[in-house]
Amino acid sequence: NVIGLEFEDAKTLMTLRGGKPVMQITARIRSVSGQTVTVPPVLVSLLDHAGRTVYEWTVSPKAADMEPGEVMEFSTEVNTPPQGATRVRLSFTDSRGSAASPTKAL
């Protein structure tokens, strides 16, 4: 794990708000590094049944850095998720916005 961070307890919940679907995504980010780690943005990808990306966005976590063993709550949501989105993949991004390890599929 080159980043020193892992996703735990990732969950997806579909709800209705004002009669429209909302997908809520929550997880915990844990520092597994022995030193302070800079927290990169999280790339949230909605996937179809074949694993193809149908929609994605990035979210900046609440903290910029994490100490060894520290845990932070992460959440995001999307209003009216695209048709065919059946799974969610969470991954950390590098400076170019490309996914970097580790990845957590829901």
PDB file of N, CA and C in Angstrom:
ATOM      1  N   ASN A   1       0.846  -1.177   0.000  1.00  0.00           N
ATOM      2  CA  ASN A   1       0.000   0.000   0.000  1.00  0.00           C
ATOM      3  C   ASN A   1       0.889   1.236   0.000  1.00  0.00           C
ATOM      4  N   VAL A   2       1.094   1.820  -1.165  1.00  0.00           N
ATOM      5  CA  VAL A   2       1.992   2.962  -1.309  1.00  0.00           C
ATOM      6  C   VAL A   2       1.400   4.258  -0.759  1.00  0.00           C
ATOM      7  N   ILE A   3       0.082   4.336  -0.614  1.00  0.00           N
ATOM      8  CA  ILE A   3      -0.558   5.548  -0.110  1.00  0.00           C
ATOM      9  C   ILE A   3      -0.568   5.567   1.416  1.00  0.00           C
ATOM     10  N   GLY A   4      -0.719   4.394   2.039  1.00  0.00           N
ATOM     11  CA  GLY A   4      -0.781   4.321   3.495  1.00  0.00           C
ATOM     12  C   GLY A   4      -2.173   4.536   4.051  1.00  0.00           C
ATOM     13  N   LEU A   5      -3.189   4.456   3.187  1.00  0.00           N
ATOM     14  CA  LEU A   5      -4.583   4.641   3.594  1.00  0.00           C
ATOM     15  C   LEU A   5      -5.430   3.503   3.043  1.00  0.00           C
ATOM     16  N   GLU A   6      -6.465   3.129   3.800  1.00  0.00           N
ATOM     17  CA  GLU A   6      -7.392   2.085   3.355  1.00  0.00           C
ATOM     18  C   GLU A   6      -8.823   2.525   3.626  1.00  0.00           C
ATOM     19  N   PHE A   7      -9.750   2.010   2.791  1.00  0.00           N
ATOM     20  CA  PHE A   7     -11.176   2.207   3.022  1.00  0.00           C
ATOM     21  C   PHE A   7     -11.698   1.057   3.863  1.00  0.00           C
ATOM     22  N   GLU A   8     -12.597   1.368   4.813  1.00  0.00           N
ATOM     23  CA  GLU A   8     -13.250   0.347   5.642  1.00  0.00           C
ATOM     24  C   GLU A   8     -14.742   0.634   5.697  1.00  0.00           C
ATOM     25  N   ASP A   9     -15.517  -0.413   5.963  1.00  0.00           N
ATOM     26  CA  ASP A   9     -16.958  -0.292   6.206  1.00  0.00           C
ATOM     27  C   ASP A   9     -17.675   0.561   5.165  1.00  0.00           C
ATOM     28  N   ALA A  10     -17.328   0.381   3.905  1.00  0.00           N
ATOM     29  CA  ALA A  10     -17.968   1.140   2.827  1.00  0.00           C
ATOM     30  C   ALA A  10     -19.400   0.647   2.623  1.00  0.00           C
ATOM     31  N   LYS A  11     -20.316   1.611   2.491  1.00  0.00           N
ATOM     32  CA  LYS A  11     -21.734   1.277   2.313  1.00  0.00           C
ATOM     33  C   LYS A  11     -22.366   2.215   1.298  1.00  0.00           C
ATOM     34  N   THR A  12     -23.359   1.690   0.594  1.00  0.00           N
ATOM     35  CA  THR A  12     -24.146   2.483  -0.345  1.00  0.00           C
ATOM     36  C   THR A  12     -25.611   2.354   0.047  1.00  0.00           C
ATOM     37  N   LEU A  13     -26.309   3.478   0.072  1.00  0.00           N
ATOM     38  CA  LEU A  13     -27.717   3.490   0.432  1.00  0.00           C
ATOM     39  C   LEU A  13     -28.488   4.309  -0.597  1.00  0.00           C
ATOM     40  N   MET A  14     -29.531   3.733  -1.157  1.00  0.00           N
ATOM     41  CA  MET A  14     -30.412   4.449  -2.087  1.00  0.00           C
ATOM     42  C   MET A  14     -31.610   4.957  -1.293  1.00  0.00           C
ATOM     43  N   THR A  15     -31.898   6.256  -1.421  1.00  0.00           N
ATOM     44  CA  THR A  15     -33.037   6.862  -0.749  1.00  0.00           C
ATOM     45  C   THR A  15     -33.771   7.754  -1.749  1.00  0.00           C
ATOM     46  N   LEU A  16     -34.872   8.306  -1.307  1.00  0.00           N
ATOM     47  CA  LEU A  16     -35.616   9.277  -2.110  1.00  0.00           C
ATOM     48  C   LEU A  16     -35.594  10.612  -1.380  1.00  0.00           C
ATOM     49  N   ARG A  17     -35.380  11.682  -2.133  1.00  0.00           N
ATOM     50  CA  ARG A  17     -35.440  13.031  -1.586  1.00  0.00           C
ATOM     51  C   ARG A  17     -36.262  13.857  -2.565  1.00  0.00           C
ATOM     52  N   GLY A  18     -37.395  14.336  -2.102  1.00  0.00           N
ATOM     53  CA  GLY A  18     -38.275  15.090  -2.994  1.00  0.00           C
ATOM     54  C   GLY A  18     -38.778  14.244  -4.146  1.00  0.00           C
ATOM     55  N   GLY A  19     -38.919  12.935  -3.912  1.00  0.00           N
ATOM     56  CA  GLY A  19     -39.400  12.025  -4.949  1.00  0.00           C
ATOM     57  C   GLY A  19     -38.346  11.594  -5.955  1.00  0.00           C
ATOM     58  N   LYS A  20     -37.106  12.043  -5.774  1.00  0.00           N
ATOM     59  CA  LYS A  20     -36.023  11.676  -6.699  1.00  0.00           C
ATOM     60  C   LYS A  20     -34.992  10.812  -5.982  1.00  0.00           C
ATOM     61  N   PRO A  21     -34.410   9.838  -6.699  1.00  0.00           N
ATOM     62  CA  PRO A  21     -33.435   8.949  -6.056  1.00  0.00           C
ATOM     63  C   PRO A  21     -32.130   9.676  -5.715  1.00  0.00           C
ATOM     64  N   VAL A  22     -31.581   9.300  -4.566  1.00  0.00           N
ATOM     65  CA  VAL A  22     -30.291   9.809  -4.108  1.00  0.00           C
ATOM     66  C   VAL A  22     -29.468   8.599  -3.661  1.00  0.00           C
ATOM     67  N   MET A  23     -28.231   8.504  -4.145  1.00  0.00           N
ATOM     68  CA  MET A  23     -27.328   7.448  -3.720  1.00  0.00           C
ATOM     69  C   MET A  23     -26.347   8.053  -2.710  1.00  0.00           C
ATOM     70  N   GLN A  24     -26.368   7.527  -1.490  1.00  0.00           N
ATOM     71  CA  GLN A  24     -25.473   7.979  -0.439  1.00  0.00           C
ATOM     72  C   GLN A  24     -24.368   6.938  -0.260  1.00  0.00           C
ATOM     73  N   ILE A  25     -23.131   7.404  -0.209  1.00  0.00           N
ATOM     74  CA  ILE A  25     -21.966   6.521  -0.089  1.00  0.00           C
ATOM     75  C   ILE A  25     -21.190   6.943   1.151  1.00  0.00           C
ATOM     76  N   THR A  26     -20.943   5.989   2.050  1.00  0.00           N
ATOM     77  CA  THR A  26     -20.174   6.278   3.253  1.00  0.00           C
ATOM     78  C   THR A  26     -19.076   5.234   3.403  1.00  0.00           C
ATOM     79  N   ALA A  27     -18.016   5.625   4.085  1.00  0.00           N
ATOM     80  CA  ALA A  27     -16.907   4.722   4.378  1.00  0.00           C
ATOM     81  C   ALA A  27     -16.065   5.358   5.476  1.00  0.00           C
ATOM     82  N   ARG A  28     -15.136   4.593   5.974  1.00  0.00           N
ATOM     83  CA  ARG A  28     -14.129   5.132   6.879  1.00  0.00           C
ATOM     84  C   ARG A  28     -12.787   5.008   6.178  1.00  0.00           C
ATOM     85  N   ILE A  29     -11.950   6.010   6.349  1.00  0.00           N
ATOM     86  CA  ILE A  29     -10.589   5.976   5.816  1.00  0.00           C
ATOM     87  C   ILE A  29      -9.665   5.785   7.007  1.00  0.00           C
ATOM     88  N   ARG A  30      -8.824   4.758   6.952  1.00  0.00           N
ATOM     89  CA  ARG A  30      -7.893   4.463   8.041  1.00  0.00           C
ATOM     90  C   ARG A  30      -6.463   4.626   7.547  1.00  0.00           C
ATOM     91  N   SER A  31      -5.647   5.291   8.360  1.00  0.00           N
ATOM     92  CA  SER A  31      -4.222   5.390   8.071  1.00  0.00           C
ATOM     93  C   SER A  31      -3.538   4.117   8.556  1.00  0.00           C
ATOM     94  N   VAL A  32      -2.889   3.415   7.653  1.00  0.00           N
ATOM     95  CA  VAL A  32      -2.148   2.193   7.995  1.00  0.00           C
ATOM     96  C   VAL A  32      -0.643   2.431   7.870  1.00  0.00           C
ATOM     97  N   SER A  33      -0.265   3.685   7.748  1.00  0.00           N
ATOM     98  CA  SER A  33       1.134   4.064   7.616  1.00  0.00           C
ATOM     99  C   SER A  33       1.741   4.287   9.001  1.00  0.00           C
ATOM    100  N   GLY A  34       3.027   4.193   9.098  1.00  0.00           N
ATOM    101  CA  GLY A  34       3.733   4.458  10.343  1.00  0.00           C
ATOM    102  C   GLY A  34       4.102   5.915  10.511  1.00  0.00           C
ATOM    103  N   GLN A  35       3.663   6.753   9.577  1.00  0.00           N
ATOM    104  CA  GLN A  35       3.982   8.184   9.640  1.00  0.00           C
ATOM    105  C   GLN A  35       2.775   8.993   9.162  1.00  0.00           C
ATOM    106  N   THR A  36       2.831  10.310   9.331  1.00  0.00           N
ATOM    107  CA  THR A  36       1.759  11.185   8.856  1.00  0.00           C
ATOM    108  C   THR A  36       1.632  11.051   7.340  1.00  0.00           C
ATOM    109  N   VAL A  37       0.382  10.936   6.874  1.00  0.00           N
ATOM    110  CA  VAL A  37       0.106  10.728   5.453  1.00  0.00           C
ATOM    111  C   VAL A  37      -0.777  11.860   4.940  1.00  0.00           C
ATOM    112  N   THR A  38      -0.449  12.387   3.769  1.00  0.00           N
ATOM    113  CA  THR A  38      -1.311  13.353   3.096  1.00  0.00           C
ATOM    114  C   THR A  38      -2.478  12.597   2.469  1.00  0.00           C
ATOM    115  N   VAL A  39      -3.688  13.089   2.689  1.00  0.00           N
ATOM    116  CA  VAL A  39      -4.882  12.414   2.186  1.00  0.00           C
ATOM    117  C   VAL A  39      -5.229  12.980   0.804  1.00  0.00           C
ATOM    118  N   PRO A  40      -5.125  12.150  -0.248  1.00  0.00           N
ATOM    119  CA  PRO A  40      -5.476  12.625  -1.582  1.00  0.00           C
ATOM    120  C   PRO A  40      -6.993  12.628  -1.777  1.00  0.00           C
ATOM    121  N   PRO A  41      -7.474  13.291  -2.821  1.00  0.00           N
ATOM    122  CA  PRO A  41      -8.904  13.221  -3.134  1.00  0.00           C
ATOM    123  C   PRO A  41      -9.329  11.766  -3.394  1.00  0.00           C
ATOM    124  N   VAL A  42     -10.622  11.524  -3.194  1.00  0.00           N
ATOM    125  CA  VAL A  42     -11.201  10.197  -3.436  1.00  0.00           C
ATOM    126  C   VAL A  42     -11.955  10.244  -4.762  1.00  0.00           C
ATOM    127  N   LEU A  43     -11.664   9.289  -5.618  1.00  0.00           N
ATOM    128  CA  LEU A  43     -12.387   9.135  -6.876  1.00  0.00           C
ATOM    129  C   LEU A  43     -13.527   8.156  -6.630  1.00  0.00           C
ATOM    130  N   VAL A  44     -14.756   8.619  -6.834  1.00  0.00           N
ATOM    131  CA  VAL A  44     -15.951   7.790  -6.672  1.00  0.00           C
ATOM    132  C   VAL A  44     -16.441   7.429  -8.062  1.00  0.00           C
ATOM    133  N   SER A  45     -16.488   6.137  -8.359  1.00  0.00           N
ATOM    134  CA  SER A  45     -16.915   5.667  -9.684  1.00  0.00           C
ATOM    135  C   SER A  45     -18.167   4.822  -9.536  1.00  0.00           C
ATOM    136  N   LEU A  46     -19.187   5.134 -10.320  1.00  0.00           N
ATOM    137  CA  LEU A  46     -20.383   4.297 -10.397  1.00  0.00           C
ATOM    138  C   LEU A  46     -20.197   3.365 -11.575  1.00  0.00           C
ATOM    139  N   LEU A  47     -20.404   2.073 -11.337  1.00  0.00           N
ATOM    140  CA  LEU A  47     -20.159   1.052 -12.346  1.00  0.00           C
ATOM    141  C   LEU A  47     -21.448   0.355 -12.738  1.00  0.00           C
ATOM    142  N   ASP A  48     -21.485  -0.133 -13.969  1.00  0.00           N
ATOM    143  CA  ASP A  48     -22.631  -0.936 -14.399  1.00  0.00           C
ATOM    144  C   ASP A  48     -22.375  -2.397 -14.044  1.00  0.00           C
ATOM    145  N   HIS A  49     -23.294  -3.279 -14.429  1.00  0.00           N
ATOM    146  CA  HIS A  49     -23.188  -4.701 -14.081  1.00  0.00           C
ATOM    147  C   HIS A  49     -21.937  -5.360 -14.659  1.00  0.00           C
ATOM    148  N   ALA A  50     -21.386  -4.805 -15.741  1.00  0.00           N
ATOM    149  CA  ALA A  50     -20.181  -5.367 -16.366  1.00  0.00           C
ATOM    150  C   ALA A  50     -18.893  -4.742 -15.824  1.00  0.00           C
ATOM    151  N   GLY A  51     -19.037  -3.811 -14.868  1.00  0.00           N
ATOM    152  CA  GLY A  51     -17.861  -3.173 -14.297  1.00  0.00           C
ATOM    153  C   GLY A  51     -17.374  -1.946 -15.040  1.00  0.00           C
ATOM    154  N   ARG A  52     -18.150  -1.476 -16.016  1.00  0.00           N
ATOM    155  CA  ARG A  52     -17.785  -0.265 -16.763  1.00  0.00           C
ATOM    156  C   ARG A  52     -18.223   0.975 -15.992  1.00  0.00           C
ATOM    157  N   THR A  53     -17.400   2.010 -16.024  1.00  0.00           N
ATOM    158  CA  THR A  53     -17.716   3.269 -15.358  1.00  0.00           C
ATOM    159  C   THR A  53     -18.818   3.994 -16.122  1.00  0.00           C
ATOM    160  N   VAL A  54     -19.894   4.358 -15.400  1.00  0.00           N
ATOM    161  CA  VAL A  54     -20.980   5.118 -16.020  1.00  0.00           C
ATOM    162  C   VAL A  54     -21.000   6.566 -15.533  1.00  0.00           C
ATOM    163  N   TYR A  55     -20.344   6.828 -14.402  1.00  0.00           N
ATOM    164  CA  TYR A  55     -20.265   8.193 -13.875  1.00  0.00           C
ATOM    165  C   TYR A  55     -19.204   8.216 -12.787  1.00  0.00           C
ATOM    166  N   GLU A  56     -18.449   9.320 -12.687  1.00  0.00           N
ATOM    167  CA  GLU A  56     -17.495   9.434 -11.590  1.00  0.00           C
ATOM    168  C   GLU A  56     -17.233  10.890 -11.239  1.00  0.00           C
ATOM    169  N   TRP A  57     -16.784  11.091  -9.998  1.00  0.00           N
ATOM    170  CA  TRP A  57     -16.458  12.413  -9.495  1.00  0.00           C
ATOM    171  C   TRP A  57     -15.425  12.266  -8.383  1.00  0.00           C
ATOM    172  N   THR A  58     -14.782  13.376  -8.044  1.00  0.00           N
ATOM    173  CA  THR A  58     -13.808  13.345  -6.956  1.00  0.00           C
ATOM    174  C   THR A  58     -14.335  14.136  -5.767  1.00  0.00           C
ATOM    175  N   VAL A  59     -13.919  13.696  -4.587  1.00  0.00           N
ATOM    176  CA  VAL A  59     -14.315  14.330  -3.335  1.00  0.00           C
ATOM    177  C   VAL A  59     -13.060  14.545  -2.505  1.00  0.00           C
ATOM    178  N   SER A  60     -12.907  15.742  -1.954  1.00  0.00           N
ATOM    179  CA  SER A  60     -11.795  16.011  -1.044  1.00  0.00           C
ATOM    180  C   SER A  60     -12.231  15.643   0.370  1.00  0.00           C
ATOM    181  N   PRO A  61     -11.530  14.693   1.015  1.00  0.00           N
ATOM    182  CA  PRO A  61     -11.880  14.329   2.397  1.00  0.00           C
ATOM    183  C   PRO A  61     -11.736  15.528   3.336  1.00  0.00           C
ATOM    184  N   LYS A  62     -12.324  15.413   4.536  1.00  0.00           N
ATOM    185  CA  LYS A  62     -12.352  16.510   5.502  1.00  0.00           C
ATOM    186  C   LYS A  62     -10.962  16.913   5.990  1.00  0.00           C
ATOM    187  N   ALA A  63     -10.048  15.966   6.111  1.00  0.00           N
ATOM    188  CA  ALA A  63      -8.712  16.261   6.640  1.00  0.00           C
ATOM    189  C   ALA A  63      -7.675  16.182   5.523  1.00  0.00           C
ATOM    190  N   ALA A  64      -6.670  17.028   5.603  1.00  0.00           N
ATOM    191  CA  ALA A  64      -5.600  17.017   4.603  1.00  0.00           C
ATOM    192  C   ALA A  64      -4.525  15.993   4.938  1.00  0.00           C
ATOM    193  N   ASP A  65      -4.354  15.699   6.230  1.00  0.00           N
ATOM    194  CA  ASP A  65      -3.339  14.744   6.687  1.00  0.00           C
ATOM    195  C   ASP A  65      -3.935  13.837   7.747  1.00  0.00           C
ATOM    196  N   MET A  66      -3.351  12.633   7.880  1.00  0.00           N
ATOM    197  CA  MET A  66      -3.773  11.698   8.915  1.00  0.00           C
ATOM    198  C   MET A  66      -2.548  11.130   9.614  1.00  0.00           C
ATOM    199  N   GLU A  67      -2.672  10.960  10.932  1.00  0.00           N
ATOM    200  CA  GLU A  67      -1.613  10.372  11.743  1.00  0.00           C
ATOM    201  C   GLU A  67      -1.732   8.847  11.704  1.00  0.00           C
ATOM    202  N   PRO A  68      -0.658   8.119  12.067  1.00  0.00           N
ATOM    203  CA  PRO A  68      -0.723   6.651  12.084  1.00  0.00           C
ATOM    204  C   PRO A  68      -1.902   6.148  12.922  1.00  0.00           C
ATOM    205  N   GLY A  69      -2.681   5.235  12.355  1.00  0.00           N
ATOM    206  CA  GLY A  69      -3.815   4.631  13.044  1.00  0.00           C
ATOM    207  C   GLY A  69      -5.069   5.489  13.086  1.00  0.00           C
ATOM    208  N   GLU A  70      -5.006   6.715  12.633  1.00  0.00           N
ATOM    209  CA  GLU A  70      -6.169   7.611  12.665  1.00  0.00           C
ATOM    210  C   GLU A  70      -7.244   7.122  11.692  1.00  0.00           C
ATOM    211  N   VAL A  71      -8.516   7.363  12.058  1.00  0.00           N
ATOM    212  CA  VAL A  71      -9.663   6.979  11.232  1.00  0.00           C
ATOM    213  C   VAL A  71     -10.516   8.219  10.988  1.00  0.00           C
ATOM    214  N   MET A  72     -10.974   8.389   9.762  1.00  0.00           N
ATOM    215  CA  MET A  72     -11.806   9.523   9.381  1.00  0.00           C
ATOM    216  C   MET A  72     -13.046   9.015   8.648  1.00  0.00           C
ATOM    217  N   GLU A  73     -14.193   9.623   8.937  1.00  0.00           N
ATOM    218  CA  GLU A  73     -15.428   9.295   8.230  1.00  0.00           C
ATOM    219  C   GLU A  73     -15.419   9.983   6.868  1.00  0.00           C
ATOM    220  N   PHE A  74     -15.937   9.276   5.867  1.00  0.00           N
ATOM    221  CA  PHE A  74     -16.034   9.807   4.507  1.00  0.00           C
ATOM    222  C   PHE A  74     -17.461   9.612   4.028  1.00  0.00           C
ATOM    223  N   SER A  75     -18.024  10.634   3.372  1.00  0.00           N
ATOM    224  CA  SER A  75     -19.359  10.483   2.795  1.00  0.00           C
ATOM    225  C   SER A  75     -19.507  11.397   1.584  1.00  0.00           C
ATOM    226  N   THR A  76     -20.340  10.951   0.681  1.00  0.00           N
ATOM    227  CA  THR A  76     -20.689  11.724  -0.498  1.00  0.00           C
ATOM    228  C   THR A  76     -22.032  11.203  -1.002  1.00  0.00           C
ATOM    229  N   GLU A  77     -22.640  11.937  -1.894  1.00  0.00           N
ATOM    230  CA  GLU A  77     -23.898  11.459  -2.478  1.00  0.00           C
ATOM    231  C   GLU A  77     -24.046  12.015  -3.882  1.00  0.00           C
ATOM    232  N   VAL A  78     -24.897  11.339  -4.638  1.00  0.00           N
ATOM    233  CA  VAL A  78     -25.204  11.796  -5.990  1.00  0.00           C
ATOM    234  C   VAL A  78     -26.722  11.759  -6.153  1.00  0.00           C
ATOM    235  N   ASN A  79     -27.250  12.894  -6.628  1.00  0.00           N
ATOM    236  CA  ASN A  79     -28.684  12.977  -6.901  1.00  0.00           C
ATOM    237  C   ASN A  79     -28.964  12.356  -8.264  1.00  0.00           C
ATOM    238  N   THR A  80     -30.032  11.593  -8.338  1.00  0.00           N
ATOM    239  CA  THR A  80     -30.459  10.928  -9.559  1.00  0.00           C
ATOM    240  C   THR A  80     -29.281  10.212 -10.239  1.00  0.00           C
ATOM    241  N   PRO A  81     -28.769   9.160  -9.605  1.00  0.00           N
ATOM    242  CA  PRO A  81     -27.654   8.428 -10.214  1.00  0.00           C
ATOM    243  C   PRO A  81     -28.034   7.878 -11.589  1.00  0.00           C
ATOM    244  N   PRO A  82     -27.052   7.753 -12.476  1.00  0.00           N
ATOM    245  CA  PRO A  82     -27.345   7.293 -13.834  1.00  0.00           C
ATOM    246  C   PRO A  82     -27.983   5.901 -13.854  1.00  0.00           C
ATOM    247  N   GLN A  83     -28.846   5.708 -14.831  1.00  0.00           N
ATOM    248  CA  GLN A  83     -29.464   4.408 -15.054  1.00  0.00           C
ATOM    249  C   GLN A  83     -28.369   3.376 -15.281  1.00  0.00           C
ATOM    250  N   GLY A  84     -28.486   2.227 -14.678  1.00  0.00           N
ATOM    251  CA  GLY A  84     -27.515   1.162 -14.890  1.00  0.00           C
ATOM    252  C   GLY A  84     -26.383   1.140 -13.879  1.00  0.00           C
ATOM    253  N   ALA A  85     -26.290   2.143 -13.002  1.00  0.00           N
ATOM    254  CA  ALA A  85     -25.252   2.148 -11.973  1.00  0.00           C
ATOM    255  C   ALA A  85     -25.646   1.147 -10.893  1.00  0.00           C
ATOM    256  N   THR A  86     -24.873   0.064 -10.800  1.00  0.00           N
ATOM    257  CA  THR A  86     -25.205  -0.995  -9.851  1.00  0.00           C
ATOM    258  C   THR A  86     -24.171  -1.165  -8.747  1.00  0.00           C
ATOM    259  N   ARG A  87     -22.965  -0.627  -8.956  1.00  0.00           N
ATOM    260  CA  ARG A  87     -21.895  -0.765  -7.964  1.00  0.00           C
ATOM    261  C   ARG A  87     -21.141   0.552  -7.840  1.00  0.00           C
ATOM    262  N   VAL A  88     -20.388   0.659  -6.741  1.00  0.00           N
ATOM    263  CA  VAL A  88     -19.564   1.835  -6.493  1.00  0.00           C
ATOM    264  C   VAL A  88     -18.135   1.379  -6.245  1.00  0.00           C
ATOM    265  N   ARG A  89     -17.172   2.131  -6.795  1.00  0.00           N
ATOM    266  CA  ARG A  89     -15.757   1.874  -6.522  1.00  0.00           C
ATOM    267  C   ARG A  89     -15.155   3.149  -5.945  1.00  0.00           C
ATOM    268  N   LEU A  90     -14.466   3.021  -4.803  1.00  0.00           N
ATOM    269  CA  LEU A  90     -13.761   4.135  -4.185  1.00  0.00           C
ATOM    270  C   LEU A  90     -12.273   3.925  -4.377  1.00  0.00           C
ATOM    271  N   SER A  91     -11.567   4.966  -4.783  1.00  0.00           N
ATOM    272  CA  SER A  91     -10.117   4.870  -4.917  1.00  0.00           C
ATOM    273  C   SER A  91      -9.522   6.245  -4.641  1.00  0.00           C
ATOM    274  N   PHE A  92      -8.268   6.265  -4.242  1.00  0.00           N
ATOM    275  CA  PHE A  92      -7.567   7.527  -4.041  1.00  0.00           C
ATOM    276  C   PHE A  92      -6.978   7.950  -5.380  1.00  0.00           C
ATOM    277  N   THR A  93      -6.892   9.257  -5.598  1.00  0.00           N
ATOM    278  CA  THR A  93      -6.356   9.753  -6.856  1.00  0.00           C
ATOM    279  C   THR A  93      -4.935  10.266  -6.664  1.00  0.00           C
ATOM    280  N   ASP A  94      -4.198  10.276  -7.757  1.00  0.00           N
ATOM    281  CA  ASP A  94      -2.867  10.875  -7.720  1.00  0.00           C
ATOM    282  C   ASP A  94      -2.989  12.330  -8.152  1.00  0.00           C
ATOM    283  N   SER A  95      -1.888  13.012  -8.310  1.00  0.00           N
ATOM    284  CA  SER A  95      -1.914  14.436  -8.638  1.00  0.00           C
ATOM    285  C   SER A  95      -2.528  14.729 -10.004  1.00  0.00           C
ATOM    286  N   ARG A  96      -2.619  13.729 -10.870  1.00  0.00           N
ATOM    287  CA  ARG A  96      -3.210  13.919 -12.199  1.00  0.00           C
ATOM    288  C   ARG A  96      -4.688  13.526 -12.240  1.00  0.00           C
ATOM    289  N   GLY A  97      -5.229  13.077 -11.102  1.00  0.00           N
ATOM    290  CA  GLY A  97      -6.632  12.686 -11.055  1.00  0.00           C
ATOM    291  C   GLY A  97      -6.868  11.242 -11.446  1.00  0.00           C
ATOM    292  N   SER A  98      -5.782  10.480 -11.693  1.00  0.00           N
ATOM    293  CA  SER A  98      -5.915   9.071 -12.034  1.00  0.00           C
ATOM    294  C   SER A  98      -6.041   8.251 -10.753  1.00  0.00           C
ATOM    295  N   ALA A  99      -6.768   7.163 -10.833  1.00  0.00           N
ATOM    296  CA  ALA A  99      -6.941   6.295  -9.669  1.00  0.00           C
ATOM    297  C   ALA A  99      -5.604   5.691  -9.265  1.00  0.00           C
ATOM    298  N   ALA A 100      -5.373   5.659  -7.968  1.00  0.00           N
ATOM    299  CA  ALA A 100      -4.191   5.032  -7.397  1.00  0.00           C
ATOM    300  C   ALA A 100      -4.671   4.043  -6.352  1.00  0.00           C
ATOM    301  N   SER A 101      -3.880   3.063  -6.015  1.00  0.00           N
ATOM    302  CA  SER A 101      -4.283   2.059  -5.021  1.00  0.00           C
ATOM    303  C   SER A 101      -4.405   2.697  -3.662  1.00  0.00           C
ATOM    304  N   PRO A 102      -5.157   2.144  -2.729  1.00  0.00           N
ATOM    305  CA  PRO A 102      -6.032   0.995  -2.887  1.00  0.00           C
ATOM    306  C   PRO A 102      -7.421   1.392  -3.378  1.00  0.00           C
ATOM    307  N   THR A 103      -8.157   0.414  -3.841  1.00  0.00           N
ATOM    308  CA  THR A 103      -9.507   0.610  -4.346  1.00  0.00           C
ATOM    309  C   THR A 103     -10.455  -0.250  -3.537  1.00  0.00           C
ATOM    310  N   LYS A 104     -11.660   0.246  -3.304  1.00  0.00           N
ATOM    311  CA  LYS A 104     -12.679  -0.505  -2.591  1.00  0.00           C
ATOM    312  C   LYS A 104     -13.934  -0.490  -3.430  1.00  0.00           C
ATOM    313  N   ALA A 105     -14.391  -1.673  -3.860  1.00  0.00           N
ATOM    314  CA  ALA A 105     -15.636  -1.788  -4.625  1.00  0.00           C
ATOM    315  C   ALA A 105     -16.755  -2.148  -3.675  1.00  0.00           C
ATOM    316  N   LEU A 106     -17.915  -1.546  -3.864  1.00  0.00           N
ATOM    317  CA  LEU A 106     -19.087  -1.813  -3.049  1.00  0.00           C
ATOM    318  C   LEU A 106     -20.103  -2.596  -3.848  1.00  0.00           C
TER     319      LEU A 106
END
